[in-house]
Amino acid sequence: MNDRSGPFKAISLEEARSLRDQGWQAADLHVHTLCSPDVIPARSLHPEALYHKAREMGMGFVTFTDHDTMDAYDIAGWDREGLVTGVEIKIRDMRVVGHTIHLNVYDIDREQFQELEEIASEGDLICLLACLRKNDLPFIYNHPLWFEPGEGPNLAAIPEVVKLFPAVEYNMHRISRKNEIAMELAKKYGKGLVAATDTHSGMIGKVYTIAPGDTFGEFFKNILSGRSCIAVKDLTKQDLINEINAWIDLVFDPDLIPYSKDCTTGTKYLDGLISALESETLRDFPRICRYVLSLCHKISNSGLPASLYLRFEGSLIPEIERQMATILVENAKCSQTHSSK
């Protein structure tokens, strides 16, 4: 792995185990349960199942950050050992940002969440951040170089948005160069850095943040001060193949949980297949179901979907690098001008 040391340090999963043995806490700070609308309602993605899985893996703190909902805590309970309440909030502020961004908020209660959702619906990021600080809530800027499908990003705004947040996310599902740029921005502006899976398929703890702290408040403060590490691995084509196969197995899980929501993965054909399986249209024909499952795995194992994803993820990199370099140079010139006055 490349040396990405800064005010924080990226280490291997093997090195992280040594720090955990010394009493440092580990946490995957971006996890989705079946309460998210883009997660398949499988029993393995039930909040209770994910909580126990994370604890068995040695995660000192466990959080669920479903999209704009905290229903997972109504299911798993709000007060359990090591459980940290959390949520992923989406906001589209066209004045300050120019595109949709996502942020994770922690140690939050239901009333605070409802207040934040109302502000987010109005598209006022500055007001949202002021509310977070007023309530002294930990929060991070999620995957700063991921953008909503079909939305043209305002790349020039990203460094300015990073400045507004206490910490930035290294996201397992982004290609290495996007994460490197996120880390460079965090280092440039003195921000904390967290590593998280952003898993929608139960692959919790594949990467994580590690820091000392008996409470989550202490843990998060150490992240912001740089007394922390991120245990990471670069995204590979085989990782993506494994992830796609996991999704396929979840889609064809014969024991999907009846859940009062529409599953919307963002992919029209996958949504249609899930809908057909949930309504038992295909399950009434097990031989056809097995054939479709086998065909889906063959397509996945060919590597074509993974390759297309990696190509798409990398398509914006030249423009991102050009704009980031230009912005950082301009910021450096402005700083020199102000210091000379």
C-alpha atoms as a PDB file:
ATOM      1  CA  MET A   1       0.000   0.000   0.000  1.00  0.00           C
ATOM      2  CA  ASN A   2       1.180   3.529  -0.752  1.00  0.00           C
ATOM      3  CA  ASP A   3       2.414   5.632   2.170  1.00  0.00           C
ATOM      4  CA  ARG A   4      -0.466   7.995   2.945  1.00  0.00           C
ATOM      5  CA  SER A   5       0.716   9.180   6.330  1.00  0.00           C
ATOM      6  CA  GLY A   6      -0.379  12.614   7.468  1.00  0.00           C
ATOM      7  CA  PRO A   7      -1.933  13.910  10.651  1.00  0.00           C
ATOM      8  CA  PHE A   8      -3.518  10.447  10.567  1.00  0.00           C
ATOM      9  CA  LYS A   9      -2.021   7.222   9.282  1.00  0.00           C
ATOM     10  CA  ALA A  10      -3.284   4.524   6.946  1.00  0.00           C
ATOM     11  CA  ILE A  11      -2.249   1.063   8.085  1.00  0.00           C
ATOM     12  CA  SER A  12      -2.899  -2.494   7.019  1.00  0.00           C
ATOM     13  CA  LEU A  13      -5.556  -4.623   8.650  1.00  0.00           C
ATOM     14  CA  GLU A  14      -2.757  -6.722  10.163  1.00  0.00           C
ATOM     15  CA  GLU A  15      -1.150  -3.654  11.795  1.00  0.00           C
ATOM     16  CA  ALA A  16      -4.544  -2.593  13.110  1.00  0.00           C
ATOM     17  CA  ARG A  17      -4.962  -5.865  14.994  1.00  0.00           C
ATOM     18  CA  SER A  18      -1.842  -5.049  17.016  1.00  0.00           C
ATOM     19  CA  LEU A  19      -3.307  -1.673  18.068  1.00  0.00           C
ATOM     20  CA  ARG A  20      -6.590  -3.339  18.971  1.00  0.00           C
ATOM     21  CA  ASP A  21      -4.650  -5.750  21.177  1.00  0.00           C
ATOM     22  CA  GLN A  22      -3.249  -2.649  22.940  1.00  0.00           C
ATOM     23  CA  GLY A  23      -6.752  -1.427  23.735  1.00  0.00           C
ATOM     24  CA  TRP A  24      -7.538   0.858  20.801  1.00  0.00           C
ATOM     25  CA  GLN A  25     -11.153   0.745  19.650  1.00  0.00           C
ATOM     26  CA  ALA A  26     -12.257  -0.152  16.122  1.00  0.00           C
ATOM     27  CA  ALA A  27     -15.384   1.087  14.348  1.00  0.00           C
ATOM     28  CA  ASP A  28     -16.847   0.820  10.864  1.00  0.00           C
ATOM     29  CA  LEU A  29     -18.598   4.200  10.790  1.00  0.00           C
ATOM     30  CA  HIS A  30     -20.759   3.758   7.669  1.00  0.00           C
ATOM     31  CA  VAL A  31     -23.061   0.732   7.668  1.00  0.00           C
ATOM     32  CA  HIS A  32     -26.506   0.218   6.122  1.00  0.00           C
ATOM     33  CA  THR A  33     -29.177  -2.178   7.342  1.00  0.00           C
ATOM     34  CA  LEU A  34     -32.351  -3.397   5.662  1.00  0.00           C
ATOM     35  CA  CYS A  35     -33.959  -0.154   6.864  1.00  0.00           C
ATOM     36  CA  SER A  36     -32.232   1.726   4.037  1.00  0.00           C
ATOM     37  CA  PRO A  37     -34.366   1.864   0.889  1.00  0.00           C
ATOM     38  CA  ASP A  38     -31.478   0.604  -1.265  1.00  0.00           C
ATOM     39  CA  VAL A  39     -30.782  -2.490   0.850  1.00  0.00           C
ATOM     40  CA  ILE A  40     -32.325  -5.896   0.186  1.00  0.00           C
ATOM     41  CA  PRO A  41     -34.494  -7.073   3.131  1.00  0.00           C
ATOM     42  CA  ALA A  42     -32.423 -10.160   3.961  1.00  0.00           C
ATOM     43  CA  ARG A  43     -32.147 -11.579   7.483  1.00  0.00           C
ATOM     44  CA  SER A  44     -28.370 -11.131   7.409  1.00  0.00           C
ATOM     45  CA  LEU A  45     -28.941  -7.362   7.027  1.00  0.00           C
ATOM     46  CA  HIS A  46     -31.316  -7.106   9.985  1.00  0.00           C
ATOM     47  CA  PRO A  47     -29.950  -4.553  12.523  1.00  0.00           C
ATOM     48  CA  GLU A  48     -29.806  -7.220  15.227  1.00  0.00           C
ATOM     49  CA  ALA A  49     -27.755  -9.550  12.999  1.00  0.00           C
ATOM     50  CA  LEU A  50     -25.358  -6.782  11.950  1.00  0.00           C
ATOM     51  CA  TYR A  51     -24.883  -5.629  15.540  1.00  0.00           C
ATOM     52  CA  HIS A  52     -23.848  -9.112  16.663  1.00  0.00           C
ATOM     53  CA  LYS A  53     -21.645  -9.592  13.584  1.00  0.00           C
ATOM     54  CA  ALA A  54     -19.786  -6.333  14.236  1.00  0.00           C
ATOM     55  CA  ARG A  55     -19.251  -7.135  17.911  1.00  0.00           C
ATOM     56  CA  GLU A  56     -18.004 -10.636  17.085  1.00  0.00           C
ATOM     57  CA  MET A  57     -15.522  -9.055  14.654  1.00  0.00           C
ATOM     58  CA  GLY A  58     -14.128  -6.938  17.484  1.00  0.00           C
ATOM     59  CA  MET A  59     -15.723  -3.589  16.671  1.00  0.00           C
ATOM     60  CA  GLY A  60     -15.672  -1.590  19.901  1.00  0.00           C
ATOM     61  CA  PHE A  61     -18.357   0.748  18.576  1.00  0.00           C
ATOM     62  CA  VAL A  62     -21.187  -0.222  16.232  1.00  0.00           C
ATOM     63  CA  THR A  63     -23.297   2.261  14.310  1.00  0.00           C
ATOM     64  CA  PHE A  64     -25.993   2.062  11.652  1.00  0.00           C
ATOM     65  CA  THR A  65     -26.156   4.956   9.204  1.00  0.00           C
ATOM     66  CA  ASP A  66     -29.220   4.264   7.107  1.00  0.00           C
ATOM     67  CA  HIS A  67     -30.392   6.773   4.516  1.00  0.00           C
ATOM     68  CA  ASP A  68     -32.528   9.419   6.209  1.00  0.00           C
ATOM     69  CA  THR A  69     -34.039   6.994   8.731  1.00  0.00           C
ATOM     70  CA  MET A  70     -33.266   5.799  12.253  1.00  0.00           C
ATOM     71  CA  ASP A  71     -35.693   2.875  12.203  1.00  0.00           C
ATOM     72  CA  ALA A  72     -32.821   0.438  12.822  1.00  0.00           C
ATOM     73  CA  TYR A  73     -32.665   1.601  16.442  1.00  0.00           C
ATOM     74  CA  ASP A  74     -36.363   0.999  16.970  1.00  0.00           C
ATOM     75  CA  ILE A  75     -35.652  -2.576  15.875  1.00  0.00           C
ATOM     76  CA  ALA A  76     -32.289  -3.276  17.575  1.00  0.00           C
ATOM     77  CA  GLY A  77     -32.748  -0.974  20.560  1.00  0.00           C
ATOM     78  CA  TRP A  78     -31.368   2.459  21.353  1.00  0.00           C
ATOM     79  CA  ASP A  79     -29.223   1.517  24.333  1.00  0.00           C
ATOM     80  CA  ARG A  80     -26.912  -1.434  23.841  1.00  0.00           C
ATOM     81  CA  GLU A  81     -23.273  -1.949  24.709  1.00  0.00           C
ATOM     82  CA  GLY A  82     -21.063  -0.230  22.137  1.00  0.00           C
ATOM     83  CA  LEU A  83     -24.007   0.887  20.000  1.00  0.00           C
ATOM     84  CA  VAL A  84     -23.721   4.456  18.690  1.00  0.00           C
ATOM     85  CA  THR A  85     -26.783   6.001  17.100  1.00  0.00           C
ATOM     86  CA  GLY A  86     -26.214   7.319  13.600  1.00  0.00           C
ATOM     87  CA  VAL A  87     -27.834   8.329  10.331  1.00  0.00           C
ATOM     88  CA  GLU A  88     -26.806   9.320   6.800  1.00  0.00           C
ATOM     89  CA  ILE A  89     -28.402  12.597   5.741  1.00  0.00           C
ATOM     90  CA  LYS A  90     -28.637  13.795   2.164  1.00  0.00           C
ATOM     91  CA  ILE A  91     -28.743  17.493   1.300  1.00  0.00           C
ATOM     92  CA  ARG A  92     -28.795  19.332  -2.028  1.00  0.00           C
ATOM     93  CA  ASP A  93     -27.567  22.869  -1.458  1.00  0.00           C
ATOM     94  CA  MET A  94     -27.318  24.558  -4.849  1.00  0.00           C
ATOM     95  CA  ARG A  95     -25.977  27.815  -3.411  1.00  0.00           C
ATOM     96  CA  VAL A  96     -23.026  26.580  -1.333  1.00  0.00           C
ATOM     97  CA  VAL A  97     -22.265  23.231  -3.027  1.00  0.00           C
ATOM     98  CA  GLY A  98     -24.051  22.905  -6.357  1.00  0.00           C
ATOM     99  CA  HIS A  99     -24.796  19.195  -6.055  1.00  0.00           C
ATOM    100  CA  THR A 100     -26.056  16.653  -3.509  1.00  0.00           C
ATOM    101  CA  ILE A 101     -23.767  15.605  -0.682  1.00  0.00           C
ATOM    102  CA  HIS A 102     -24.141  13.024   2.087  1.00  0.00           C
ATOM    103  CA  LEU A 103     -23.038  13.299   5.704  1.00  0.00           C
ATOM    104  CA  ASN A 104     -23.084  10.907   8.628  1.00  0.00           C
ATOM    105  CA  VAL A 105     -24.177  12.128  12.050  1.00  0.00           C
ATOM    106  CA  TYR A 106     -23.539  10.229  15.302  1.00  0.00           C
ATOM    107  CA  ASP A 107     -24.757  10.216  18.920  1.00  0.00           C
ATOM    108  CA  ILE A 108     -28.053  11.617  17.676  1.00  0.00           C
ATOM    109  CA  ASP A 109     -31.550  11.147  19.082  1.00  0.00           C
ATOM    110  CA  ARG A 110     -34.873  11.001  17.250  1.00  0.00           C
ATOM    111  CA  GLU A 111     -35.810  14.635  17.969  1.00  0.00           C
ATOM    112  CA  GLN A 112     -32.469  15.957  16.731  1.00  0.00           C
ATOM    113  CA  PHE A 113     -32.772  13.814  13.620  1.00  0.00           C
ATOM    114  CA  GLN A 114     -36.184  15.228  12.772  1.00  0.00           C
ATOM    115  CA  GLU A 115     -34.875  18.773  13.140  1.00  0.00           C
ATOM    116  CA  LEU A 116     -31.929  18.028  10.859  1.00  0.00           C
ATOM    117  CA  GLU A 117     -34.155  16.383   8.254  1.00  0.00           C
ATOM    118  CA  GLU A 118     -36.347  19.491   8.099  1.00  0.00           C
ATOM    119  CA  ILE A 119     -33.319  21.700   7.524  1.00  0.00           C
ATOM    120  CA  ALA A 120     -31.870  19.301   4.931  1.00  0.00           C
ATOM    121  CA  SER A 121     -35.146  19.347   2.992  1.00  0.00           C
ATOM    122  CA  GLU A 122     -34.726  23.123   2.625  1.00  0.00           C
ATOM    123  CA  GLY A 123     -31.274  22.659   1.087  1.00  0.00           C
ATOM    124  CA  ASP A 124     -29.418  24.915   3.511  1.00  0.00           C
ATOM    125  CA  LEU A 125     -26.056  23.328   4.363  1.00  0.00           C
ATOM    126  CA  ILE A 126     -24.803  26.221   6.491  1.00  0.00           C
ATOM    127  CA  CYS A 127     -27.936  26.094   8.643  1.00  0.00           C
ATOM    128  CA  LEU A 128     -27.617  22.297   8.914  1.00  0.00           C
ATOM    129  CA  LEU A 129     -24.004  22.507  10.078  1.00  0.00           C
ATOM    130  CA  ALA A 130     -24.906  25.230  12.570  1.00  0.00           C
ATOM    131  CA  CYS A 131     -27.570  22.934  14.031  1.00  0.00           C
ATOM    132  CA  LEU A 132     -25.073  20.073  14.286  1.00  0.00           C
ATOM    133  CA  ARG A 133     -22.600  22.263  16.155  1.00  0.00           C
ATOM    134  CA  LYS A 134     -25.303  23.722  18.395  1.00  0.00           C
ATOM    135  CA  ASN A 135     -26.182  20.185  19.486  1.00  0.00           C
ATOM    136  CA  ASP A 136     -22.494  19.171  19.707  1.00  0.00           C
ATOM    137  CA  LEU A 137     -23.062  16.208  17.373  1.00  0.00           C
ATOM    138  CA  PRO A 138     -20.139  14.358  15.722  1.00  0.00           C
ATOM    139  CA  PHE A 139     -20.440  14.370  11.918  1.00  0.00           C
ATOM    140  CA  ILE A 140     -18.378  13.614   8.810  1.00  0.00           C
ATOM    141  CA  TYR A 141     -18.380  14.400   5.084  1.00  0.00           C
ATOM    142  CA  ASN A 142     -19.133  11.125   3.299  1.00  0.00           C
ATOM    143  CA  HIS A 143     -17.417  10.047   0.056  1.00  0.00           C
ATOM    144  CA  PRO A 144     -16.714  13.622  -1.142  1.00  0.00           C
ATOM    145  CA  LEU A 145     -15.954  12.428  -4.698  1.00  0.00           C
ATOM    146  CA  TRP A 146     -19.116  10.358  -5.164  1.00  0.00           C
ATOM    147  CA  PHE A 147     -22.050  12.033  -6.868  1.00  0.00           C
ATOM    148  CA  GLU A 148     -25.718  11.208  -7.335  1.00  0.00           C
ATOM    149  CA  PRO A 149     -26.409   9.445 -10.672  1.00  0.00           C
ATOM    150  CA  GLY A 150     -27.300  11.937 -13.393  1.00  0.00           C
ATOM    151  CA  GLU A 151     -26.191  14.928 -11.335  1.00  0.00           C
ATOM    152  CA  GLY A 152     -23.414  17.145 -12.654  1.00  0.00           C
ATOM    153  CA  PRO A 153     -20.948  17.779  -9.795  1.00  0.00           C
ATOM    154  CA  ASN A 154     -19.542  21.183  -8.951  1.00  0.00           C
ATOM    155  CA  LEU A 155     -15.980  20.005  -8.412  1.00  0.00           C
ATOM    156  CA  ALA A 156     -14.729  23.482  -7.560  1.00  0.00           C
ATOM    157  CA  ALA A 157     -16.855  23.521  -4.408  1.00  0.00           C
ATOM    158  CA  ILE A 158     -15.464  20.334  -2.875  1.00  0.00           C
ATOM    159  CA  PRO A 159     -12.399  21.817  -1.109  1.00  0.00           C
ATOM    160  CA  GLU A 160     -14.601  24.580   0.310  1.00  0.00           C
ATOM    161  CA  VAL A 161     -17.086  21.994   1.578  1.00  0.00           C
ATOM    162  CA  VAL A 162     -14.257  19.956   3.154  1.00  0.00           C
ATOM    163  CA  LYS A 163     -13.317  23.065   5.143  1.00  0.00           C
ATOM    164  CA  LEU A 164     -16.800  23.089   6.701  1.00  0.00           C
ATOM    165  CA  PHE A 165     -16.553  19.546   8.103  1.00  0.00           C
ATOM    166  CA  PRO A 166     -14.527  18.200  11.039  1.00  0.00           C
ATOM    167  CA  ALA A 167     -13.710  14.923   9.250  1.00  0.00           C
ATOM    168  CA  VAL A 168     -13.689  13.314   5.807  1.00  0.00           C
ATOM    169  CA  GLU A 169     -14.417   9.725   4.829  1.00  0.00           C
ATOM    170  CA  TYR A 170     -12.188   7.129   3.156  1.00  0.00           C
ATOM    171  CA  ASN A 171     -14.841   4.928   1.542  1.00  0.00           C
ATOM    172  CA  MET A 172     -14.158   1.277   0.715  1.00  0.00           C
ATOM    173  CA  HIS A 173     -16.361   1.445  -2.384  1.00  0.00           C
ATOM    174  CA  ARG A 174     -14.426   4.258  -4.051  1.00  0.00           C
ATOM    175  CA  ILE A 175     -11.363   3.620  -6.194  1.00  0.00           C
ATOM    176  CA  SER A 176      -7.985   4.252  -4.591  1.00  0.00           C
ATOM    177  CA  ARG A 177      -7.282   7.554  -6.395  1.00  0.00           C
ATOM    178  CA  LYS A 178     -10.553   9.093  -5.182  1.00  0.00           C
ATOM    179  CA  ASN A 179      -9.689   8.087  -1.632  1.00  0.00           C
ATOM    180  CA  GLU A 180      -6.166   9.438  -2.028  1.00  0.00           C
ATOM    181  CA  ILE A 181      -7.574  12.813  -3.118  1.00  0.00           C
ATOM    182  CA  ALA A 182      -9.970  12.798  -0.156  1.00  0.00           C
ATOM    183  CA  MET A 183      -7.014  12.101   2.134  1.00  0.00           C
ATOM    184  CA  GLU A 184      -4.973  14.875   0.514  1.00  0.00           C
ATOM    185  CA  LEU A 185      -7.801  17.341   1.120  1.00  0.00           C
ATOM    186  CA  ALA A 186      -8.165  16.184   4.738  1.00  0.00           C
ATOM    187  CA  LYS A 187      -4.438  16.658   5.291  1.00  0.00           C
ATOM    188  CA  LYS A 188      -4.393  20.037   3.519  1.00  0.00           C
ATOM    189  CA  TYR A 189      -7.158  21.473   5.696  1.00  0.00           C
ATOM    190  CA  GLY A 190      -6.310  19.696   8.958  1.00  0.00           C
ATOM    191  CA  LYS A 191      -9.383  17.471   9.062  1.00  0.00           C
ATOM    192  CA  GLY A 192      -9.886  14.121  10.715  1.00  0.00           C
ATOM    193  CA  LEU A 193     -10.159  11.021   8.543  1.00  0.00           C
ATOM    194  CA  VAL A 194     -12.328   7.955   9.025  1.00  0.00           C
ATOM    195  CA  ALA A 195     -12.396   4.710   7.056  1.00  0.00           C
ATOM    196  CA  ALA A 196     -15.700   2.957   6.472  1.00  0.00           C
ATOM    197  CA  THR A 197     -17.185   0.266   4.271  1.00  0.00           C
ATOM    198  CA  ASP A 198     -20.489   1.968   3.373  1.00  0.00           C
ATOM    199  CA  THR A 199     -21.682  -1.614   3.116  1.00  0.00           C
ATOM    200  CA  HIS A 200     -25.148  -2.384   1.753  1.00  0.00           C
ATOM    201  CA  SER A 201     -24.603  -6.142   1.778  1.00  0.00           C
ATOM    202  CA  GLY A 202     -23.393  -6.985   5.275  1.00  0.00           C
ATOM    203  CA  MET A 203     -19.636  -6.789   4.587  1.00  0.00           C
ATOM    204  CA  ILE A 204     -19.108  -4.876   7.804  1.00  0.00           C
ATOM    205  CA  GLY A 205     -15.590  -4.229   9.129  1.00  0.00           C
ATOM    206  CA  LYS A 206     -13.682  -4.845   5.892  1.00  0.00           C
ATOM    207  CA  VAL A 207     -12.074  -1.450   6.557  1.00  0.00           C
ATOM    208  CA  TYR A 208     -12.446   0.629   9.704  1.00  0.00           C
ATOM    209  CA  THR A 209     -11.222   3.468  11.880  1.00  0.00           C
ATOM    210  CA  ILE A 210      -9.129   2.761  14.960  1.00  0.00           C
ATOM    211  CA  ALA A 211      -8.392   5.096  17.858  1.00  0.00           C
ATOM    212  CA  PRO A 212      -8.227   5.091  21.670  1.00  0.00           C
ATOM    213  CA  GLY A 213     -11.309   6.075  23.636  1.00  0.00           C
ATOM    214  CA  ASP A 214     -13.467   4.510  26.314  1.00  0.00           C
ATOM    215  CA  THR A 215     -16.484   6.428  25.000  1.00  0.00           C
ATOM    216  CA  PHE A 216     -17.468   7.314  21.467  1.00  0.00           C
ATOM    217  CA  GLY A 217     -16.981  10.991  22.321  1.00  0.00           C
ATOM    218  CA  GLU A 218     -13.346  10.337  23.273  1.00  0.00           C
ATOM    219  CA  PHE A 219     -12.900   8.106  20.227  1.00  0.00           C
ATOM    220  CA  PHE A 220     -14.175  10.819  17.851  1.00  0.00           C
ATOM    221  CA  LYS A 221     -12.085  13.558  19.491  1.00  0.00           C
ATOM    222  CA  ASN A 222      -8.976  11.431  18.940  1.00  0.00           C
ATOM    223  CA  ILE A 223      -9.910  11.081  15.272  1.00  0.00           C
ATOM    224  CA  LEU A 224     -10.139  14.873  14.953  1.00  0.00           C
ATOM    225  CA  SER A 225      -6.812  15.403  16.746  1.00  0.00           C
ATOM    226  CA  GLY A 226      -5.019  12.877  14.525  1.00  0.00           C
ATOM    227  CA  ARG A 227      -4.486  10.284  17.237  1.00  0.00           C
ATOM    228  CA  SER A 228      -6.045   7.607  15.065  1.00  0.00           C
ATOM    229  CA  CYS A 229      -5.405   5.293  12.155  1.00  0.00           C
ATOM    230  CA  ILE A 230      -7.474   3.966   9.307  1.00  0.00           C
ATOM    231  CA  ALA A 231      -7.227   0.256   8.576  1.00  0.00           C
ATOM    232  CA  VAL A 232      -7.776   0.029   4.838  1.00  0.00           C
ATOM    233  CA  LYS A 233      -7.235  -1.872   1.640  1.00  0.00           C
ATOM    234  CA  ASP A 234      -7.503  -0.651  -1.919  1.00  0.00           C
ATOM    235  CA  LEU A 235     -10.583  -1.596  -3.913  1.00  0.00           C
ATOM    236  CA  THR A 236      -9.787  -4.352  -6.421  1.00  0.00           C
ATOM    237  CA  LYS A 237     -11.673  -5.922  -9.277  1.00  0.00           C
ATOM    238  CA  GLN A 238     -11.992  -9.144  -7.270  1.00  0.00           C
ATOM    239  CA  ASP A 239     -13.459  -7.184  -4.330  1.00  0.00           C
ATOM    240  CA  LEU A 240     -16.142  -5.891  -6.659  1.00  0.00           C
ATOM    241  CA  ILE A 241     -16.844  -9.349  -8.064  1.00  0.00           C
ATOM    242  CA  ASN A 242     -17.244 -10.646  -4.503  1.00  0.00           C
ATOM    243  CA  GLU A 243     -19.566  -7.746  -3.662  1.00  0.00           C
ATOM    244  CA  ILE A 244     -21.710  -8.309  -6.757  1.00  0.00           C
ATOM    245  CA  ASN A 245     -21.944 -12.033  -5.971  1.00  0.00           C
ATOM    246  CA  ALA A 246     -23.005 -11.168  -2.428  1.00  0.00           C
ATOM    247  CA  TRP A 247     -25.755  -8.935  -3.805  1.00  0.00           C
ATOM    248  CA  ILE A 248     -26.904 -11.701  -6.151  1.00  0.00           C
ATOM    249  CA  ASP A 249     -27.095 -14.197  -3.291  1.00  0.00           C
ATOM    250  CA  LEU A 250     -29.094 -11.691  -1.253  1.00  0.00           C
ATOM    251  CA  VAL A 251     -31.512 -11.091  -4.122  1.00  0.00           C
ATOM    252  CA  PHE A 252     -32.121 -14.824  -4.448  1.00  0.00           C
ATOM    253  CA  ASP A 253     -32.248 -15.444  -0.699  1.00  0.00           C
ATOM    254  CA  PRO A 254     -35.300 -17.712  -0.243  1.00  0.00           C
ATOM    255  CA  ASP A 255     -35.895 -16.246   3.201  1.00  0.00           C
ATOM    256  CA  LEU A 256     -36.262 -12.528   2.501  1.00  0.00           C
ATOM    257  CA  ILE A 257     -37.950 -10.636   5.325  1.00  0.00           C
ATOM    258  CA  PRO A 258     -41.340  -9.116   4.509  1.00  0.00           C
ATOM    259  CA  TYR A 259     -40.689  -5.420   5.025  1.00  0.00           C
ATOM    260  CA  SER A 260     -42.945  -2.440   4.402  1.00  0.00           C
ATOM    261  CA  LYS A 261     -40.722  -0.530   1.995  1.00  0.00           C
ATOM    262  CA  ASP A 262     -39.883  -0.456  -1.684  1.00  0.00           C
ATOM    263  CA  CYS A 263     -36.322  -1.619  -2.292  1.00  0.00           C
ATOM    264  CA  THR A 264     -34.676   0.849  -4.680  1.00  0.00           C
ATOM    265  CA  THR A 265     -31.064   0.002  -5.464  1.00  0.00           C
ATOM    266  CA  GLY A 266     -30.775   2.652  -8.159  1.00  0.00           C
ATOM    267  CA  THR A 267     -30.472   0.034 -10.889  1.00  0.00           C
ATOM    268  CA  LYS A 268     -33.765  -0.458 -12.737  1.00  0.00           C
ATOM    269  CA  TYR A 269     -33.174  -4.063 -13.813  1.00  0.00           C
ATOM    270  CA  LEU A 270     -31.984  -5.183 -10.361  1.00  0.00           C
ATOM    271  CA  ASP A 271     -34.985  -3.492  -8.761  1.00  0.00           C
ATOM    272  CA  GLY A 272     -37.281  -5.355 -11.155  1.00  0.00           C
ATOM    273  CA  LEU A 273     -35.662  -8.685 -10.314  1.00  0.00           C
ATOM    274  CA  ILE A 274     -35.960  -8.048  -6.565  1.00  0.00           C
ATOM    275  CA  SER A 275     -39.597  -7.085  -6.998  1.00  0.00           C
ATOM    276  CA  ALA A 276     -40.289 -10.270  -8.973  1.00  0.00           C
ATOM    277  CA  LEU A 277     -38.631 -12.457  -6.338  1.00  0.00           C
ATOM    278  CA  GLU A 278     -40.414 -10.748  -3.447  1.00  0.00           C
ATOM    279  CA  SER A 279     -43.758 -11.294  -5.146  1.00  0.00           C
ATOM    280  CA  GLU A 280     -42.804 -14.945  -5.693  1.00  0.00           C
ATOM    281  CA  THR A 281     -43.279 -14.593  -9.455  1.00  0.00           C
ATOM    282  CA  LEU A 282     -40.015 -16.433 -10.026  1.00  0.00           C
ATOM    283  CA  ARG A 283     -40.042 -18.470  -6.816  1.00  0.00           C
ATOM    284  CA  ASP A 284     -43.030 -20.440  -8.100  1.00  0.00           C
ATOM    285  CA  PHE A 285     -40.652 -21.794 -10.755  1.00  0.00           C
ATOM    286  CA  PRO A 286     -37.564 -23.040  -8.860  1.00  0.00           C
ATOM    287  CA  ARG A 287     -35.784 -24.412 -11.932  1.00  0.00           C
ATOM    288  CA  ILE A 288     -36.046 -21.064 -13.706  1.00  0.00           C
ATOM    289  CA  CYS A 289     -34.964 -19.337 -10.497  1.00  0.00           C
ATOM    290  CA  ARG A 290     -31.860 -21.533 -10.235  1.00  0.00           C
ATOM    291  CA  TYR A 291     -31.032 -20.880 -13.889  1.00  0.00           C
ATOM    292  CA  VAL A 292     -31.316 -17.100 -13.466  1.00  0.00           C
ATOM    293  CA  LEU A 293     -29.168 -17.271 -10.303  1.00  0.00           C
ATOM    294  CA  SER A 294     -26.484 -19.270 -12.143  1.00  0.00           C
ATOM    295  CA  LEU A 295     -26.582 -16.878 -15.090  1.00  0.00           C
ATOM    296  CA  CYS A 296     -26.205 -13.843 -12.825  1.00  0.00           C
ATOM    297  CA  HIS A 297     -23.175 -15.406 -11.127  1.00  0.00           C
ATOM    298  CA  LYS A 298     -21.593 -16.227 -14.489  1.00  0.00           C
ATOM    299  CA  ILE A 299     -21.984 -12.639 -15.633  1.00  0.00           C
ATOM    300  CA  SER A 300     -20.545 -11.371 -12.353  1.00  0.00           C
ATOM    301  CA  ASN A 301     -17.607 -13.792 -12.359  1.00  0.00           C
ATOM    302  CA  SER A 302     -16.734 -12.778 -15.923  1.00  0.00           C
ATOM    303  CA  GLY A 303     -15.560  -9.508 -14.386  1.00  0.00           C
ATOM    304  CA  LEU A 304     -17.465  -7.385 -16.898  1.00  0.00           C
ATOM    305  CA  PRO A 305     -19.752  -5.569 -14.396  1.00  0.00           C
ATOM    306  CA  ALA A 306     -16.762  -4.926 -12.099  1.00  0.00           C
ATOM    307  CA  SER A 307     -14.671  -3.593 -14.981  1.00  0.00           C
ATOM    308  CA  LEU A 308     -17.452  -1.276 -16.109  1.00  0.00           C
ATOM    309  CA  TYR A 309     -17.822   0.048 -12.552  1.00  0.00           C
ATOM    310  CA  LEU A 310     -14.080   0.711 -12.227  1.00  0.00           C
ATOM    311  CA  ARG A 311     -14.023   2.440 -15.608  1.00  0.00           C
ATOM    312  CA  PHE A 312     -16.957   4.624 -14.629  1.00  0.00           C
ATOM    313  CA  GLU A 313     -15.413   5.443 -11.239  1.00  0.00           C
ATOM    314  CA  GLY A 314     -12.198   6.516 -12.943  1.00  0.00           C
ATOM    315  CA  SER A 315     -13.791   8.553 -15.720  1.00  0.00           C
ATOM    316  CA  LEU A 316     -13.833  11.810 -13.743  1.00  0.00           C
ATOM    317  CA  ILE A 317     -10.369  11.441 -12.213  1.00  0.00           C
ATOM    318  CA  PRO A 318      -8.444  13.583 -14.782  1.00  0.00           C
ATOM    319  CA  GLU A 319     -10.925  16.458 -14.393  1.00  0.00           C
ATOM    320  CA  ILE A 320     -11.012  16.084 -10.593  1.00  0.00           C
ATOM    321  CA  GLU A 321      -7.213  16.167 -10.413  1.00  0.00           C
ATOM    322  CA  ARG A 322      -7.018  19.195 -12.714  1.00  0.00           C
ATOM    323  CA  GLN A 323      -9.571  21.180 -10.745  1.00  0.00           C
ATOM    324  CA  MET A 324      -8.205  20.185  -7.349  1.00  0.00           C
ATOM    325  CA  ALA A 325      -4.677  21.190  -8.385  1.00  0.00           C
ATOM    326  CA  THR A 326      -5.909  24.551  -9.712  1.00  0.00           C
ATOM    327  CA  ILE A 327      -7.950  25.273  -6.586  1.00  0.00           C
ATOM    328  CA  LEU A 328      -5.147  24.333  -4.193  1.00  0.00           C
ATOM    329  CA  VAL A 329      -2.677  26.549  -6.075  1.00  0.00           C
ATOM    330  CA  GLU A 330      -5.124  29.465  -5.992  1.00  0.00           C
ATOM    331  CA  ASN A 331      -5.733  28.926  -2.271  1.00  0.00           C
ATOM    332  CA  ALA A 332      -1.979  28.915  -1.638  1.00  0.00           C
ATOM    333  CA  LYS A 333      -1.599  32.215  -3.534  1.00  0.00           C
ATOM    334  CA  CYS A 334      -4.424  33.775  -1.524  1.00  0.00           C
ATOM    335  CA  SER A 335      -2.825  32.644   1.739  1.00  0.00           C
ATOM    336  CA  GLN A 336       0.509  34.161   0.707  1.00  0.00           C
ATOM    337  CA  THR A 337      -1.193  37.418  -0.248  1.00  0.00           C
ATOM    338  CA  HIS A 338      -2.993  37.673   3.102  1.00  0.00           C
ATOM    339  CA  SER A 339       0.145  36.826   5.095  1.00  0.00           C
ATOM    340  CA  SER A 340       2.157  39.524   3.289  1.00  0.00           C
ATOM    341  CA  LYS A 341      -0.340  42.268   4.168  1.00  0.00           C
END
